[in-house]
Amino acid sequence: MSESLREPGDGGGAPAGGLRKRKGGETRDLTRPPAPEPLPIPVYDNHTHLEFEDGLDLLDPLDSLGRADAVGVRGVVQVGTDLETSRWGAQLAASDSRVLAAVALHPNEAPRLFAEGRLSEHLSEIARLAAQPRVRAVGETGLDFFRTGEDGRDAQLESFEAHIDIAKANGIALQIHDRDAHDEVVATLRRVGAPERTVFHCFSGDVELARICAEHGWYLSFAGTMTFRNAPALREALTVADPSRVLVETDAPFLTPEPFRGRPNAPYLLPHTVRRMAEVLGEPLDGLCARLAANTERVYGSWEMDDDG
């Protein structure tokens, strides 16, 4: 998602390579963290935004994918937030076997497009992109009431429900953005009917939501936030989640995991989150990696390219 949709200090915003002053006079370290020790068994980054890294001159997408592969991140799901990024991701996925794409309009886009009379037009284009063979998810869509007031809720709900229909029509996964809207997201999925493979991207709920997801067979994707010292609820949710429904992601260039929180994020930093998950669950790292990889392939299919893409 765009920088305007993130809290300051949790990811992108300027090129790597030094310090940048922020409001209040404090500085932020923008040097790129060192590569972590490779994982024993390769996994996948379930949700990333490579185009923001490129646009911020942080890393070329192919460089980013190469760094990720070197530490045991064999592939990524490149996620769109509007027509431009969705088209970009679909094109990259069609040309690189390390990438699958998700296409959507971010929920914060919906009120603006609705007001401009262009929401239906943009949704039609998302539906067209969703039919491409290496587009394996509709996302990120959902509800975000952090910045949208009451006057924008109807547009968000209309957009969310349309995205759900697109995912079901194409038999692909749904990646949900859920911010300050847990109850409404769950109610919408129950009312409309969730796709067979529904993923709560950057899971931000608690034990109760994790149990609701387990009840319905929905997937929970954990990001670098679960490593933060002030996020014990996320770690507790991980311990009660259905192990067969757990995924991992970076949401790069945002939400860099500890111990590098606030510095630029990228798929190659995913091992930090995976190792923290293994610690919280009290299980061997190789076993967790194997399960994360299998879960991810169950949601999106194979990353291998054939004659049809």
Protein backbone atom coordinates (compact mmCIF):
# COMPACT_ATOMS: atom_id res chain seq x y z
CA MET A 1 0.00 0.00 0.00
CA SER A 2 1.08 3.59 -0.45
CA GLU A 3 3.11 5.43 2.15
CA SER A 4 0.11 7.67 2.86
CA LEU A 5 -1.71 4.62 4.21
CA ARG A 6 0.94 3.74 6.79
CA GLU A 7 1.96 5.12 10.12
CA PRO A 8 5.28 7.02 10.06
CA GLY A 9 8.32 5.01 11.07
CA ASP A 10 7.14 1.58 9.95
CA GLY A 11 8.78 1.17 6.58
CA GLY A 12 9.58 3.02 3.31
CA GLY A 13 9.55 6.71 2.66
CA ALA A 14 13.03 7.58 1.37
CA PRO A 15 16.05 5.98 -0.25
CA ALA A 16 18.31 3.79 1.85
CA GLY A 17 21.77 4.93 2.77
CA GLY A 18 21.74 7.22 5.77
CA LEU A 19 19.69 9.11 8.31
CA ARG A 20 16.59 11.19 7.70
CA LYS A 21 15.24 13.74 10.15
CA ARG A 22 11.62 13.35 11.17
CA LYS A 23 9.18 15.66 12.87
CA GLY A 24 10.34 16.57 16.35
CA GLY A 25 13.99 16.50 15.33
CA GLU A 26 14.54 12.74 15.74
CA THR A 27 16.37 10.84 13.03
CA ARG A 28 15.55 7.57 11.35
CA ASP A 29 18.12 5.05 10.18
CA LEU A 30 17.55 4.36 6.49
CA THR A 31 20.51 2.05 5.94
CA ARG A 32 19.54 -1.36 4.66
CA PRO A 33 19.78 -4.12 7.31
CA PRO A 34 22.27 -6.94 6.71
CA ALA A 35 21.06 -10.19 5.26
CA PRO A 36 19.97 -12.74 7.88
CA GLU A 37 21.16 -16.33 8.05
CA PRO A 38 19.38 -18.36 5.35
CA LEU A 39 16.41 -20.48 6.36
CA PRO A 40 16.95 -24.26 6.35
CA ILE A 41 13.94 -24.82 4.08
CA PRO A 42 12.72 -22.17 1.62
CA VAL A 43 9.46 -20.31 2.28
CA TYR A 44 7.38 -17.68 0.46
CA ASP A 45 6.62 -14.05 1.19
CA ASN A 46 2.83 -14.09 1.09
CA HIS A 47 2.45 -10.30 0.67
CA THR A 48 4.90 -7.67 -0.55
CA HIS A 49 4.99 -4.43 -2.55
CA LEU A 50 8.09 -4.52 -4.73
CA GLU A 51 7.01 -1.49 -6.73
CA PHE A 52 7.35 0.78 -3.71
CA GLU A 53 10.93 -0.33 -3.24
CA ASP A 54 11.62 0.48 -6.88
CA GLY A 55 9.80 3.80 -6.74
CA LEU A 56 11.72 4.83 -3.63
CA ASP A 57 15.02 3.82 -5.22
CA LEU A 58 15.54 1.29 -2.45
CA LEU A 59 16.04 -1.86 -4.52
CA ASP A 60 15.39 -2.87 -8.08
CA PRO A 61 12.67 -5.58 -7.99
CA LEU A 62 14.96 -8.18 -9.57
CA ASP A 63 17.70 -7.33 -7.07
CA SER A 64 15.16 -7.66 -4.27
CA LEU A 65 14.07 -11.07 -5.50
CA GLY A 66 17.69 -12.20 -5.79
CA ARG A 67 18.48 -11.16 -2.23
CA ALA A 68 15.39 -12.97 -1.01
CA ASP A 69 16.25 -16.17 -2.83
CA ALA A 70 19.74 -16.13 -1.28
CA VAL A 71 18.28 -16.37 2.26
CA GLY A 72 15.60 -18.98 1.56
CA VAL A 73 12.65 -16.89 0.33
CA ARG A 74 11.98 -18.65 -2.95
CA GLY A 75 9.01 -16.58 -4.13
CA VAL A 76 6.68 -13.70 -3.35
CA VAL A 77 3.10 -12.62 -3.87
CA GLN A 78 3.26 -9.12 -5.34
CA VAL A 79 0.17 -7.23 -4.19
CA GLY A 80 -1.68 -4.41 -5.93
CA THR A 81 -3.51 -1.51 -4.31
CA ASP A 82 -4.87 0.27 -7.40
CA LEU A 83 -5.01 -0.24 -11.16
CA GLU A 84 -1.44 0.91 -11.77
CA THR A 85 0.17 -1.37 -9.17
CA SER A 86 -2.13 -4.26 -10.05
CA ARG A 87 -1.16 -4.07 -13.72
CA TRP A 88 2.50 -3.75 -12.76
CA GLY A 89 2.34 -6.81 -10.54
CA ALA A 90 0.51 -8.93 -13.11
CA GLN A 91 3.12 -8.03 -15.71
CA LEU A 92 6.02 -8.87 -13.38
CA ALA A 93 4.44 -12.22 -12.43
CA ALA A 94 4.01 -13.11 -16.09
CA SER A 95 7.74 -12.65 -16.68
CA ASP A 96 9.38 -13.96 -13.48
CA SER A 97 8.90 -17.42 -11.96
CA ARG A 98 9.60 -16.06 -8.46
CA VAL A 99 6.48 -13.89 -8.52
CA LEU A 100 2.74 -14.46 -8.35
CA ALA A 101 0.37 -11.50 -8.33
CA ALA A 102 -2.64 -10.27 -6.38
CA VAL A 103 -4.77 -7.48 -7.85
CA ALA A 104 -7.22 -5.12 -6.15
CA LEU A 105 -8.25 -1.63 -5.16
CA HIS A 106 -7.20 -0.82 -1.60
CA PRO A 107 -10.24 -0.05 0.59
CA ASN A 108 -9.06 3.52 1.07
CA GLU A 109 -9.24 3.95 -2.72
CA ALA A 110 -12.94 3.08 -2.83
CA PRO A 111 -14.48 6.29 -1.41
CA ARG A 112 -12.48 8.49 -3.79
CA LEU A 113 -13.29 6.38 -6.84
CA PHE A 114 -16.95 6.22 -5.85
CA ALA A 115 -17.11 10.00 -5.49
CA GLU A 116 -15.54 10.36 -8.94
CA GLY A 117 -17.99 7.89 -10.47
CA ARG A 118 -15.16 5.52 -11.46
CA LEU A 119 -15.44 2.67 -8.95
CA SER A 120 -17.34 0.31 -11.28
CA GLU A 121 -14.93 1.01 -14.12
CA HIS A 122 -11.90 0.22 -11.97
CA LEU A 123 -13.53 -2.92 -10.56
CA SER A 124 -14.14 -4.16 -14.09
CA GLU A 125 -10.45 -3.80 -14.87
CA ILE A 126 -9.52 -5.67 -11.68
CA ALA A 127 -11.85 -8.47 -12.80
CA ARG A 128 -10.07 -8.60 -16.17
CA LEU A 129 -6.64 -8.78 -14.52
CA ALA A 130 -7.82 -11.47 -12.09
CA ALA A 131 -8.37 -13.84 -15.01
CA GLN A 132 -4.67 -13.92 -15.92
CA PRO A 133 -3.00 -17.26 -15.10
CA ARG A 134 -0.32 -15.92 -12.75
CA VAL A 135 -2.72 -13.68 -10.85
CA ARG A 136 -3.57 -16.00 -7.97
CA ALA A 137 -5.35 -13.68 -5.54
CA VAL A 138 -7.63 -10.68 -5.27
CA GLY A 139 -6.06 -8.31 -2.80
CA GLU A 140 -5.46 -6.31 -0.96
CA THR A 141 -9.12 -5.59 -0.39
CA GLY A 142 -11.24 -5.35 2.71
CA LEU A 143 -12.21 -2.60 5.12
CA ASP A 144 -10.13 0.15 6.72
CA PHE A 145 -11.98 2.50 9.07
CA PHE A 146 -8.82 4.07 10.50
CA ARG A 147 -8.99 6.99 8.08
CA THR A 148 -12.38 6.55 6.42
CA GLY A 149 -15.32 8.20 8.14
CA GLU A 150 -18.95 7.14 8.06
CA ASP A 151 -19.45 8.73 4.64
CA GLY A 152 -16.92 6.33 3.11
CA ARG A 153 -18.15 3.07 4.61
CA ASP A 154 -20.75 2.28 1.97
CA ALA A 155 -18.19 2.68 -0.82
CA GLN A 156 -15.72 0.43 0.99
CA LEU A 157 -18.37 -2.23 1.53
CA GLU A 158 -19.45 -2.08 -2.13
CA SER A 159 -15.85 -2.46 -3.26
CA PHE A 160 -15.10 -5.26 -0.78
CA GLU A 161 -18.13 -7.28 -1.80
CA ALA A 162 -17.26 -6.84 -5.49
CA HIS A 163 -13.72 -8.09 -4.84
CA ILE A 164 -15.09 -11.13 -3.03
CA ASP A 165 -17.24 -11.92 -6.06
CA ILE A 166 -14.23 -11.53 -8.39
CA ALA A 167 -12.16 -13.95 -6.31
CA LYS A 168 -14.93 -16.55 -6.27
CA ALA A 169 -15.65 -16.15 -9.99
CA ASN A 170 -12.00 -16.90 -10.80
CA GLY A 171 -11.46 -19.57 -8.15
CA ILE A 172 -8.53 -17.70 -6.61
CA ALA A 173 -7.63 -16.55 -3.12
CA LEU A 174 -8.76 -13.38 -1.34
CA GLN A 175 -6.24 -11.24 0.56
CA ILE A 176 -7.95 -9.07 3.17
CA HIS A 177 -6.78 -5.72 4.50
CA ASP A 178 -8.48 -5.29 7.89
CA ARG A 179 -7.80 -2.18 9.96
CA ASP A 180 -10.08 -1.12 12.81
CA ALA A 181 -12.79 -3.22 11.16
CA HIS A 182 -12.55 -6.78 12.50
CA ASP A 183 -16.26 -7.21 13.25
CA GLU A 184 -17.41 -5.69 9.95
CA VAL A 185 -14.97 -7.78 7.91
CA VAL A 186 -16.12 -11.01 9.55
CA ALA A 187 -19.77 -10.03 9.18
CA THR A 188 -19.28 -9.28 5.49
CA LEU A 189 -17.54 -12.59 4.83
CA ARG A 190 -20.33 -14.45 6.61
CA ARG A 191 -23.08 -12.54 4.80
CA VAL A 192 -21.63 -12.68 1.28
CA GLY A 193 -19.80 -15.99 1.60
CA ALA A 194 -16.00 -16.09 1.76
CA PRO A 195 -13.91 -17.60 -1.04
CA GLU A 196 -12.53 -21.05 -0.31
CA ARG A 197 -9.09 -19.58 0.36
CA THR A 198 -9.39 -16.36 2.37
CA VAL A 199 -6.30 -14.76 3.90
CA PHE A 200 -6.16 -12.09 6.61
CA HIS A 201 -3.09 -10.20 5.41
CA CYS A 202 -0.90 -8.71 8.16
CA PHE A 203 -3.11 -10.33 10.78
CA SER A 204 -3.84 -7.73 13.45
CA GLY A 205 -6.46 -9.46 15.53
CA ASP A 206 -6.41 -11.25 18.86
CA VAL A 207 -7.07 -14.75 20.12
CA GLU A 208 -10.80 -14.39 19.48
CA LEU A 209 -10.32 -13.48 15.82
CA ALA A 210 -7.75 -16.27 15.41
CA ARG A 211 -10.34 -18.75 16.69
CA ILE A 212 -12.99 -17.35 14.34
CA CYS A 213 -10.55 -17.83 11.45
CA ALA A 214 -9.90 -21.41 12.55
CA GLU A 215 -13.64 -22.06 12.71
CA HIS A 216 -14.11 -20.93 9.11
CA GLY A 217 -10.85 -22.26 7.67
CA TRP A 218 -9.50 -18.78 6.94
CA TYR A 219 -5.76 -18.15 6.76
CA LEU A 220 -3.75 -15.83 9.02
CA SER A 221 -0.67 -14.19 7.54
CA PHE A 222 1.76 -12.85 10.13
CA ALA A 223 4.05 -9.91 9.32
CA GLY A 224 6.95 -8.25 11.11
CA THR A 225 4.49 -6.77 13.60
CA MET A 226 4.42 -10.07 15.48
CA THR A 227 8.08 -9.49 16.43
CA PHE A 228 7.38 -6.08 17.99
CA ARG A 229 7.79 -5.87 21.75
CA ASN A 230 4.39 -4.19 22.09
CA ALA A 231 2.51 -6.96 20.22
CA PRO A 232 1.96 -9.81 22.72
CA ALA A 233 -1.62 -10.25 21.47
CA LEU A 234 -0.34 -11.21 18.02
CA ARG A 235 2.02 -13.81 19.47
CA GLU A 236 -0.80 -15.23 21.59
CA ALA A 237 -3.03 -15.39 18.50
CA LEU A 238 -0.31 -17.33 16.68
CA THR A 239 -0.27 -19.96 19.42
CA VAL A 240 -4.01 -20.68 19.04
CA ALA A 241 -4.19 -20.42 15.24
CA ASP A 242 -4.79 -23.56 13.19
CA PRO A 243 -1.21 -24.50 12.13
CA SER A 244 -2.45 -25.49 8.68
CA ARG A 245 -3.79 -21.96 8.16
CA VAL A 246 -0.72 -19.90 9.11
CA LEU A 247 1.27 -17.92 6.52
CA VAL A 248 4.08 -15.35 6.74
CA GLU A 249 4.76 -12.07 4.92
CA THR A 250 6.81 -8.88 4.96
CA ASP A 251 4.33 -6.28 3.66
CA ALA A 252 7.57 -4.67 2.47
CA PRO A 253 8.71 -1.96 2.39
CA PHE A 254 6.65 -1.50 5.57
CA LEU A 255 6.61 -3.20 8.99
CA THR A 256 10.26 -4.19 9.21
CA PRO A 257 10.72 -6.86 11.91
CA GLU A 258 12.77 -6.47 15.04
CA PRO A 259 15.62 -5.83 15.55
CA PHE A 260 15.45 -3.48 12.54
CA ARG A 261 12.04 -1.88 13.05
CA GLY A 262 11.84 1.49 11.28
CA ARG A 263 14.49 0.69 8.68
CA PRO A 264 13.59 -0.26 5.08
CA ASN A 265 11.93 -3.65 4.73
CA ALA A 266 12.27 -6.14 1.86
CA PRO A 267 11.48 -9.83 1.26
CA TYR A 268 15.03 -10.88 2.23
CA LEU A 269 14.26 -9.90 5.84
CA LEU A 270 11.43 -12.44 6.13
CA PRO A 271 13.63 -14.98 8.01
CA HIS A 272 13.59 -12.71 11.09
CA THR A 273 9.82 -13.11 11.35
CA VAL A 274 9.94 -16.84 10.64
CA ARG A 275 12.51 -17.43 13.37
CA ARG A 276 10.47 -15.42 15.88
CA MET A 277 7.40 -17.48 14.99
CA ALA A 278 9.34 -20.69 15.65
CA GLU A 279 10.40 -19.35 19.05
CA VAL A 280 6.85 -18.41 20.00
CA LEU A 281 5.49 -21.77 18.89
CA GLY A 282 8.36 -23.69 20.49
CA GLU A 283 8.98 -25.85 17.45
CA PRO A 284 11.94 -26.62 15.19
CA LEU A 285 12.65 -24.02 12.55
CA ASP A 286 12.86 -26.51 9.68
CA GLY A 287 9.47 -27.99 10.54
CA LEU A 288 7.83 -24.56 10.62
CA CYS A 289 9.45 -23.58 7.31
CA ALA A 290 8.19 -26.73 5.63
CA ARG A 291 4.67 -26.14 6.90
CA LEU A 292 4.65 -22.45 5.90
CA ALA A 293 5.76 -23.38 2.38
CA ALA A 294 3.11 -26.08 2.08
CA ASN A 295 0.38 -23.78 3.42
CA THR A 296 1.33 -21.05 0.97
CA GLU A 297 1.31 -23.39 -2.02
CA ARG A 298 -2.11 -24.65 -0.90
CA VAL A 299 -3.44 -21.09 -1.13
CA TYR A 300 -1.79 -19.90 -4.35
CA GLY A 301 -0.67 -23.00 -6.21
CA SER A 302 2.76 -23.55 -7.73
CA TRP A 303 5.16 -20.74 -8.61
CA GLU A 304 6.57 -22.77 -11.51
CA MET A 305 5.89 -21.38 -14.96
CA ASP A 306 4.52 -23.49 -17.79
CA ASP A 307 3.77 -22.68 -21.41
CA ASP A 308 0.62 -20.79 -20.34
CA GLY A 309 2.42 -18.83 -17.57
